[in-house]
Protein backbone atom coordinates (compact mmCIF):
# COMPACT_ATOMS: atom_id res chain seq x y z
CA MET A 1 -17.73 43.81 -44.69
CA SER A 2 -16.30 40.45 -43.70
CA HIS A 3 -15.66 37.85 -46.35
CA PRO A 4 -17.28 34.45 -45.83
CA GLU A 5 -14.40 32.02 -46.25
CA GLU A 6 -14.90 29.94 -49.40
CA PRO A 7 -13.15 26.62 -49.93
CA VAL A 8 -9.60 27.10 -51.30
CA GLY A 9 -10.54 25.23 -54.50
CA ARG A 10 -13.22 27.81 -55.31
CA GLN A 11 -10.84 30.67 -54.53
CA VAL A 12 -8.26 29.21 -56.93
CA LEU A 13 -10.86 28.82 -59.69
CA ALA A 14 -12.17 32.35 -59.15
CA GLY A 15 -8.58 33.66 -59.26
CA ALA A 16 -7.97 31.97 -62.62
CA GLN A 17 -11.22 33.53 -63.86
CA MET A 18 -10.09 37.03 -62.81
CA LEU A 19 -6.78 36.63 -64.66
CA PHE A 20 -8.69 35.43 -67.74
CA VAL A 21 -10.76 38.64 -67.69
CA ALA A 22 -7.67 40.87 -67.31
CA PHE A 23 -5.52 38.87 -69.69
CA GLY A 24 -6.31 40.54 -73.05
CA ALA A 25 -5.44 44.08 -72.02
CA LEU A 26 -2.59 42.87 -69.80
CA VAL A 27 -0.59 41.34 -72.68
CA LEU A 28 -1.72 43.74 -75.42
CA MET A 29 0.11 46.68 -73.87
CA PRO A 30 3.60 45.05 -73.83
CA LEU A 31 3.04 43.61 -77.33
CA ILE A 32 2.36 47.14 -78.70
CA THR A 33 5.37 48.69 -76.97
CA GLY A 34 7.84 45.89 -77.76
CA MET A 35 8.14 44.62 -74.21
CA ASP A 36 8.21 40.97 -73.16
CA PRO A 37 4.63 39.78 -72.38
CA ASN A 38 6.00 37.21 -69.92
CA VAL A 39 7.69 40.00 -67.95
CA ALA A 40 4.37 41.91 -67.99
CA LEU A 41 2.61 38.85 -66.55
CA PHE A 42 5.27 38.55 -63.85
CA THR A 43 5.13 42.25 -62.89
CA ALA A 44 1.30 42.26 -62.93
CA GLY A 45 1.31 39.36 -60.46
CA LEU A 46 4.10 40.86 -58.36
CA GLY A 47 2.45 44.31 -58.43
CA THR A 48 -0.89 42.89 -57.27
CA LEU A 49 0.82 41.07 -54.37
CA LEU A 50 2.75 44.23 -53.36
CA PHE A 51 -0.49 46.26 -53.54
CA GLN A 52 -2.16 43.73 -51.25
CA LEU A 53 0.76 43.95 -48.84
CA VAL A 54 0.55 47.76 -48.64
CA THR A 55 -3.27 47.81 -48.33
CA LYS A 56 -3.35 44.87 -45.85
CA ARG A 57 -5.23 42.76 -48.43
CA GLN A 58 -8.49 44.68 -48.03
CA VAL A 59 -9.26 45.73 -51.64
CA PRO A 60 -10.25 43.12 -54.28
CA VAL A 61 -8.43 44.65 -57.28
CA PHE A 62 -5.96 43.30 -59.83
CA LEU A 63 -3.11 45.48 -61.12
CA ALA A 64 -1.72 45.17 -64.65
CA SER A 65 -0.34 47.07 -67.68
CA SER A 66 -1.53 50.68 -67.97
CA PHE A 67 -2.48 51.89 -71.48
CA ALA A 68 -1.95 55.53 -70.47
CA PHE A 69 1.81 55.09 -70.80
CA ILE A 70 1.88 53.59 -74.33
CA ALA A 71 2.67 56.85 -76.19
CA PRO A 72 5.50 58.01 -73.87
CA ILE A 73 6.97 54.48 -73.74
CA ILE A 74 7.08 54.24 -77.55
CA ALA A 75 8.58 57.74 -77.84
CA ALA A 76 11.12 57.27 -75.02
CA LYS A 77 12.09 53.78 -76.21
CA GLY A 78 12.92 55.09 -79.69
CA GLU A 79 15.08 57.87 -78.27
CA PHE A 80 16.68 56.41 -75.13
CA GLY A 81 16.22 52.60 -75.29
CA LEU A 82 14.20 50.20 -73.13
CA PRO A 83 16.43 50.23 -69.99
CA ALA A 84 16.04 54.04 -69.78
CA VAL A 85 12.24 53.63 -70.19
CA MET A 86 12.30 51.29 -67.18
CA GLY A 87 14.04 53.98 -65.13
CA GLY A 88 11.23 56.34 -66.18
CA VAL A 89 8.62 53.77 -65.10
CA MET A 90 10.26 53.53 -61.67
CA ALA A 91 10.16 57.33 -61.40
CA ALA A 92 6.47 57.34 -62.44
CA GLY A 93 5.79 54.97 -59.54
CA LEU A 94 7.32 57.56 -57.22
CA VAL A 95 4.70 60.10 -58.41
CA TYR A 96 1.95 57.85 -56.98
CA ILE A 97 3.93 57.44 -53.77
CA VAL A 98 4.36 61.23 -53.39
CA LEU A 99 0.64 61.76 -54.12
CA GLY A 100 -0.14 59.10 -51.50
CA PHE A 101 1.88 60.96 -48.86
CA ALA A 102 0.23 64.26 -49.87
CA VAL A 103 -3.22 62.67 -49.44
CA ARG A 104 -2.13 61.33 -46.03
CA LEU A 105 -1.11 64.84 -44.94
CA LYS A 106 -3.84 66.95 -46.57
CA GLY A 107 -6.76 64.53 -47.12
CA PRO A 108 -8.30 63.15 -50.35
CA GLY A 109 -9.61 66.60 -51.35
CA PHE A 110 -6.01 67.63 -52.12
CA ILE A 111 -6.03 65.58 -55.35
CA ASP A 112 -9.28 67.18 -56.43
CA ARG A 113 -7.82 70.65 -55.96
CA LEU A 114 -4.51 69.88 -57.71
CA LEU A 115 -5.99 67.81 -60.55
CA PRO A 116 -9.62 68.84 -61.19
CA PRO A 117 -11.55 67.31 -64.14
CA VAL A 118 -10.68 70.25 -66.42
CA VAL A 119 -6.99 69.25 -66.11
CA ILE A 120 -7.25 65.46 -66.24
CA ALA A 121 -9.99 65.08 -68.90
CA PRO A 122 -8.11 66.70 -71.84
CA VAL A 123 -4.95 64.75 -70.91
CA ILE A 124 -6.90 61.46 -71.06
CA ILE A 125 -8.52 62.51 -74.37
CA SER A 126 -5.04 63.32 -75.73
CA ILE A 127 -3.70 59.92 -74.66
CA GLY A 128 -6.42 58.14 -76.65
CA LEU A 129 -6.36 60.34 -79.76
CA ALA A 130 -2.57 60.70 -79.97
CA LEU A 131 -2.40 56.91 -80.19
CA SER A 132 -5.05 56.61 -82.92
CA PRO A 133 -2.51 56.62 -85.81
CA VAL A 134 -0.73 53.66 -84.16
CA ALA A 135 -4.00 51.66 -84.13
CA VAL A 136 -4.85 52.56 -87.73
CA ASN A 137 -1.34 51.78 -89.03
CA MET A 138 -1.35 48.39 -87.32
CA ALA A 139 -4.87 47.61 -88.58
CA MET A 140 -3.62 48.27 -92.13
CA GLY A 141 -0.68 45.90 -91.66
CA LYS A 142 2.00 48.53 -91.03
CA ALA A 143 4.39 49.02 -88.12
CA GLY A 144 2.86 51.24 -85.40
CA ASP A 145 4.77 54.30 -86.65
CA GLY A 146 3.85 53.55 -90.28
CA SER A 147 7.50 53.07 -91.27
CA ALA A 148 7.07 49.63 -92.89
CA GLN A 149 4.32 47.50 -94.46
CA LEU A 150 4.59 44.24 -92.50
CA ILE A 151 1.57 42.44 -93.98
CA PRO A 152 -0.12 43.24 -97.34
CA TYR A 153 -2.88 45.84 -96.91
CA HIS A 154 -5.82 43.73 -98.20
CA THR A 155 -4.84 40.72 -96.08
CA ALA A 156 -4.36 42.95 -93.03
CA MET A 157 -7.83 44.50 -93.42
CA LEU A 158 -9.43 41.04 -93.77
CA ILE A 159 -7.87 40.21 -90.38
CA SER A 160 -8.15 43.49 -88.45
CA MET A 161 -11.75 44.42 -89.25
CA PRO A 162 -13.27 41.03 -88.23
CA ALA A 163 -11.15 41.20 -85.05
CA LEU A 164 -12.59 44.69 -84.35
CA VAL A 165 -16.18 43.63 -85.17
CA THR A 166 -15.85 40.58 -82.88
CA THR A 167 -14.59 42.79 -80.05
CA LEU A 168 -17.52 45.21 -80.55
CA LEU A 169 -20.15 42.45 -80.71
CA VAL A 170 -18.88 40.66 -77.59
CA ALA A 171 -18.71 43.97 -75.65
CA VAL A 172 -22.30 44.86 -76.63
CA LEU A 173 -24.09 41.53 -76.98
CA GLY A 174 -22.04 39.22 -74.73
CA LYS A 175 -23.76 37.76 -71.67
CA GLY A 176 -22.30 37.27 -68.19
CA LEU A 177 -18.56 36.76 -67.89
CA PHE A 178 -18.21 36.46 -71.70
CA ARG A 179 -19.06 40.16 -71.99
CA LEU A 180 -15.93 41.01 -69.96
CA VAL A 181 -13.49 39.37 -72.40
CA PRO A 182 -14.09 41.19 -75.72
CA ILE A 183 -10.33 41.64 -76.29
CA LEU A 184 -9.66 37.92 -75.92
CA ALA A 185 -12.54 37.13 -78.30
CA GLY A 186 -11.16 39.62 -80.86
CA VAL A 187 -7.65 38.17 -80.57
CA ALA A 188 -8.98 34.61 -81.00
CA VAL A 189 -10.88 35.47 -84.20
CA GLY A 190 -8.03 37.60 -85.58
CA TYR A 191 -5.45 34.92 -84.81
CA GLY A 192 -7.61 32.23 -86.44
CA LEU A 193 -7.93 34.32 -89.62
CA SER A 194 -4.18 35.02 -89.55
CA LEU A 195 -3.52 31.26 -89.51
CA ILE A 196 -5.90 30.81 -92.48
CA PHE A 197 -4.10 33.57 -94.43
CA GLY A 198 -0.72 32.11 -93.47
CA VAL A 199 0.71 35.25 -91.85
CA VAL A 200 1.57 33.72 -88.46
CA ASP A 201 5.25 32.92 -87.89
CA THR A 202 5.27 29.92 -85.55
CA SER A 203 9.03 29.34 -85.64
CA GLY A 204 9.48 31.28 -82.38
CA ILE A 205 6.99 29.02 -80.58
CA ALA A 206 8.77 25.88 -81.82
CA ALA A 207 12.17 27.22 -80.75
CA ALA A 208 11.05 28.45 -77.30
CA PRO A 209 11.59 26.15 -74.29
CA TRP A 210 8.61 25.11 -72.16
CA LEU A 211 10.15 26.61 -69.02
CA ALA A 212 12.21 29.79 -69.23
CA MET A 213 13.10 32.85 -67.19
CA PRO A 214 11.22 35.93 -68.40
CA ASN A 215 13.47 38.39 -70.23
CA PHE A 216 14.01 40.76 -67.27
CA ILE A 217 15.60 44.14 -68.05
CA ALA A 218 17.48 46.22 -65.48
CA PRO A 219 16.56 49.93 -65.44
CA GLU A 220 18.88 52.79 -66.33
CA PHE A 221 18.20 56.32 -65.16
CA ASN A 222 18.12 58.97 -67.86
CA ILE A 223 16.65 62.40 -67.18
CA GLY A 224 15.17 62.63 -70.70
CA ALA A 225 13.29 59.33 -70.38
CA ILE A 226 12.13 60.25 -66.87
CA LEU A 227 10.70 63.54 -68.21
CA PHE A 228 8.73 61.52 -70.77
CA MET A 229 7.17 59.25 -68.16
CA VAL A 230 6.63 61.18 -64.93
CA PRO A 231 4.01 63.77 -66.02
CA VAL A 232 1.86 61.05 -67.61
CA ALA A 233 1.46 59.38 -64.20
CA LEU A 234 -1.00 62.15 -63.23
CA ALA A 235 -3.79 60.75 -65.45
CA PRO A 236 -3.59 57.10 -64.27
CA ALA A 237 -3.40 58.38 -60.66
CA ILE A 238 -6.86 59.91 -61.13
CA GLU A 239 -7.98 56.74 -62.94
CA HIS A 240 -6.76 54.78 -59.92
CA ILE A 241 -8.90 56.86 -57.56
CA GLY A 242 -11.92 56.23 -59.81
CA GLY A 243 -11.11 52.52 -59.73
CA VAL A 244 -10.91 52.45 -55.93
CA VAL A 245 -14.25 54.30 -55.63
CA ALA A 246 -15.83 51.94 -58.22
CA ILE A 247 -14.76 48.73 -56.46
CA GLY A 248 -15.94 50.27 -53.18
CA SER A 249 -19.42 50.89 -54.59
CA VAL A 250 -19.49 47.28 -55.87
CA THR A 251 -18.51 45.70 -52.52
CA GLY A 252 -20.25 48.22 -50.27
CA ASN A 253 -17.00 49.33 -48.60
CA ASN A 254 -15.45 52.80 -48.43
CA TYR A 255 -11.86 52.03 -49.43
CA VAL A 256 -11.04 55.76 -49.59
CA LYS A 257 -11.34 55.71 -45.76
CA LYS A 258 -10.17 52.16 -45.04
CA PRO A 259 -7.46 51.18 -45.89
CA GLY A 260 -7.33 54.80 -47.12
CA LEU A 261 -6.60 56.46 -50.46
CA HIS A 262 -3.04 57.17 -49.32
CA ARG A 263 -2.44 53.42 -48.95
CA THR A 264 -3.98 52.47 -52.31
CA LEU A 265 -1.94 55.17 -54.10
CA LEU A 266 1.18 53.98 -52.28
CA GLY A 267 0.39 50.37 -53.27
CA ASP A 268 -0.04 51.36 -56.93
CA GLY A 269 3.21 53.35 -56.80
CA VAL A 270 5.20 50.50 -55.26
CA ALA A 271 3.73 48.09 -57.85
CA THR A 272 4.67 50.42 -60.74
CA SER A 273 8.22 51.02 -59.47
CA ALA A 274 8.66 47.25 -58.98
CA ALA A 275 7.51 46.71 -62.59
CA GLY A 276 10.19 49.15 -63.78
CA LEU A 277 12.80 47.30 -61.73
CA PHE A 278 12.15 44.06 -63.68
CA GLY A 279 11.43 45.48 -67.14
CA GLY A 280 7.61 45.45 -67.09
CA PRO A 281 5.01 48.12 -67.97
CA PRO A 282 3.56 50.48 -65.33
CA ASN A 283 0.63 49.04 -63.35
CA THR A 284 -2.91 50.26 -62.84
CA THR A 285 -6.14 48.84 -61.38
CA TYR A 286 -8.23 47.01 -64.01
CA ALA A 287 -11.85 48.02 -64.62
CA GLU A 288 -12.57 44.67 -66.33
CA VAL A 289 -11.71 42.88 -63.09
CA THR A 290 -13.99 45.22 -61.13
CA GLY A 291 -16.74 44.26 -63.59
CA ALA A 292 -16.02 40.58 -62.95
CA VAL A 293 -16.16 41.14 -59.18
CA MET A 294 -19.56 42.81 -59.62
CA LEU A 295 -20.84 39.99 -61.83
CA THR A 296 -19.59 37.06 -59.71
CA LYS A 297 -20.11 38.79 -56.33
CA ASN A 298 -16.68 37.41 -55.34
CA TYR A 299 -15.59 40.16 -52.95
CA ASN A 300 -12.78 38.25 -51.24
CA PRO A 301 -9.35 39.88 -51.91
CA LYS A 302 -7.72 36.42 -51.56
CA ILE A 303 -9.08 35.68 -55.04
CA MET A 304 -6.78 38.38 -56.44
CA THR A 305 -3.86 36.72 -54.63
CA TRP A 306 -4.56 33.57 -56.63
CA ALA A 307 -4.92 35.58 -59.87
CA ALA A 308 -1.49 37.10 -59.14
CA ILE A 309 0.05 33.67 -58.47
CA PHE A 310 -1.33 32.36 -61.78
CA ALA A 311 0.09 35.39 -63.64
CA ILE A 312 3.55 34.81 -62.12
CA ALA A 313 3.41 31.07 -62.95
CA LEU A 314 2.44 31.76 -66.60
CA ALA A 315 5.40 34.16 -66.88
CA PHE A 316 7.82 31.23 -66.67
CA ILE A 317 6.24 29.24 -69.54
CA GLY A 318 8.48 30.11 -72.51
CA LYS A 319 6.21 28.73 -75.25
CA PHE A 320 3.28 30.75 -73.89
CA GLY A 321 5.18 34.04 -74.28
CA ALA A 322 6.42 33.03 -77.75
CA GLY A 323 2.81 32.31 -78.74
CA LEU A 324 1.77 35.81 -77.64
CA LEU A 325 4.67 37.36 -79.58
CA SER A 326 3.47 35.54 -82.72
CA ILE A 327 0.16 37.50 -82.78
CA PRO A 328 0.28 39.43 -86.09
CA VAL A 329 0.11 43.24 -86.11
CA PRO A 330 -3.37 43.58 -87.76
CA VAL A 331 -5.01 41.50 -84.99
CA MET A 332 -3.87 44.02 -82.38
CA GLY A 333 -4.52 47.00 -84.67
CA GLY A 334 -8.18 46.11 -85.14
CA ILE A 335 -8.82 45.83 -81.40
CA LEU A 336 -6.84 49.00 -80.64
CA CYS A 337 -9.16 51.02 -82.93
CA LEU A 338 -11.75 50.50 -80.19
CA LEU A 339 -9.46 50.58 -77.15
CA PHE A 340 -7.66 53.84 -77.92
CA GLY A 341 -10.96 55.50 -78.86
CA SER A 342 -12.47 54.34 -75.57
CA ILE A 343 -9.60 55.99 -73.65
CA ALA A 344 -10.53 59.31 -75.30
CA VAL A 345 -14.20 58.73 -74.43
CA VAL A 346 -13.28 58.27 -70.74
CA GLY A 347 -11.85 61.81 -70.90
CA LEU A 348 -14.96 63.17 -72.61
CA SER A 349 -17.26 61.54 -70.06
CA THR A 350 -15.13 63.08 -67.26
CA LEU A 351 -15.86 66.55 -68.67
CA ILE A 352 -19.57 65.78 -69.03
CA ARG A 353 -20.01 64.02 -65.68
CA HIS A 354 -18.44 66.90 -63.75
CA GLN A 355 -20.35 69.50 -65.81
CA VAL A 356 -17.20 71.43 -66.75
CA ASP A 357 -18.48 74.68 -68.29
CA LEU A 358 -16.51 75.10 -71.54
CA SER A 359 -18.10 78.50 -72.20
CA GLU A 360 -15.95 79.73 -69.29
CA ALA A 361 -12.80 81.21 -70.87
CA ARG A 362 -10.40 79.58 -68.37
CA ASN A 363 -11.78 76.07 -68.92
CA LEU A 364 -11.85 76.55 -72.70
CA ILE A 365 -8.17 77.65 -72.68
CA ILE A 366 -6.98 74.72 -70.52
CA VAL A 367 -8.80 72.09 -72.62
CA SER A 368 -7.90 73.66 -76.00
CA VAL A 369 -4.17 74.13 -75.42
CA THR A 370 -3.84 70.72 -73.72
CA LEU A 371 -5.52 68.91 -76.64
CA VAL A 372 -3.46 70.63 -79.34
CA PHE A 373 -0.14 70.13 -77.51
CA GLY A 374 -0.97 66.50 -76.67
CA ILE A 375 -2.38 65.34 -80.01
CA GLY A 376 -0.15 67.54 -82.16
CA GLY A 377 3.03 66.32 -80.48
CA MET A 378 4.37 69.74 -79.43
CA ALA A 379 7.93 69.64 -78.04
CA ILE A 380 9.48 72.24 -75.73
CA GLY A 381 13.00 72.12 -74.36
CA TYR A 382 16.52 71.32 -75.46
CA GLY A 383 18.40 68.03 -75.81
CA GLU A 384 17.65 65.62 -72.99
CA PHE A 385 15.51 68.23 -71.22
CA THR A 386 12.76 68.09 -73.85
CA LEU A 387 9.12 67.60 -72.96
CA SER A 388 6.76 66.54 -75.74
CA GLY A 389 3.37 65.03 -76.54
CA ILE A 390 1.39 63.61 -73.61
CA SER A 391 4.07 64.46 -71.03
CA LEU A 392 4.10 68.10 -72.07
CA CYS A 393 0.32 68.44 -72.25
CA ALA A 394 -0.05 67.02 -68.72
CA ILE A 395 2.38 69.63 -67.34
CA ILE A 396 0.76 72.45 -69.36
CA ALA A 397 -2.74 71.53 -68.13
CA LEU A 398 -1.50 71.49 -64.54
CA LEU A 399 0.30 74.85 -64.88
CA LEU A 400 -2.61 76.58 -66.66
CA ASN A 401 -4.96 75.43 -63.92
CA LEU A 402 -2.64 76.85 -61.24
CA VAL A 403 -1.89 80.12 -63.06
CA LEU A 404 -5.25 81.13 -64.58
CA PRO A 405 -7.60 82.91 -62.15
CA GLY A 406 -10.98 81.48 -61.09
CA GLY A 407 -9.80 77.93 -60.39
CA GLU A 408 -12.63 77.05 -58.04
CA GLY A 409 -15.37 78.16 -60.44
CA TRP A 410 -16.62 74.76 -61.54
CA ARG A 411 -16.56 73.37 -58.00
CA ASN A 412 -18.44 76.32 -56.46
CA LYS A 413 -21.07 76.01 -59.17
CA GLN A 414 -21.46 72.31 -58.43
CA LEU A 415 -21.70 72.92 -54.65
CA ASN A 416 -24.33 75.63 -55.14
CA GLU A 417 -26.41 73.28 -57.27
CA GLU A 418 -26.17 70.57 -54.63
CA VAL A 419 -27.21 72.99 -51.87
């Protein structure tokens, strides 16, 4: 489908609109993990431009911070430090690149055989549910790990619950483009209440310069941190494929064929590795932006180029980043009660949509063991060579699927029904 060329002014405006839709989730992820939101803005913009370069600017998607990596980033950061996490993020990008080459050689069906729904769904459920204590702690005014009470409990609840309710109401009752920005609406209400209760520290905003270099961090390569990050990349890789199919159905193009799934996976991988190089979170395609494309019928990929340029420009405004860092913990906690739960629901809907038969012993075993290892925080290994939590459950799900007999059962059943 060819894109009728709109005036540049309209493209610029539409690009700003797309960034506005992506903005809430984009900055929330680095704020939870202790990264610099300005760096996240820079790497989201850079990642989107690199993705466009690899895919010959054919797919109207915006790439930004992936929530799937929150748990391993928090765990690896505590153990190895942020530079080592960045090395792990670069390595996670290589997983996409390798998968892209495998798809090029063996076709898109290769991913389906290696990572069927019975493997990916429980990993996604684990990602959402393993993070639920972080959301609840923050909503109650504590640090994410519950180690310290940062804001009195009663004050925190009077901030976090209205922020959550606002997010829910906008998501359900919002009309048009407003419906696509529930996170921003929740942050606005929560921040307003925080100002009323006097729990916002604005000294950082006053001290920050208007123009400043983002706080870039060079990566370090540590095998332990890499082991935390690499297995988790499997789930967002599948999410990426879903995103590419979704935007294709919106625009009426088959992006799996042209520019090809191998190119989109390669683009996502290059964008994620580039993020790690500068100190930003891993990138993924944003469903909110796909929703905005559907709503506005703006199918021109050049719009995403403008969104990326705006993100990079905002990254250099020091006071803007300081303002984001001043958002109190309960504001984010309230919104995360919904966001982390919705990640788990994506996993559940994957099981239901693909009609995975959980009365089949093999499927039951894969889902059960994966969930317990992932949510329970099981650790296997020694010293730096330890796998735990989400990373471990992703590997276990993959191995169980390869080892247990009857791996094609669910697919054969589905094919028979279709015939």
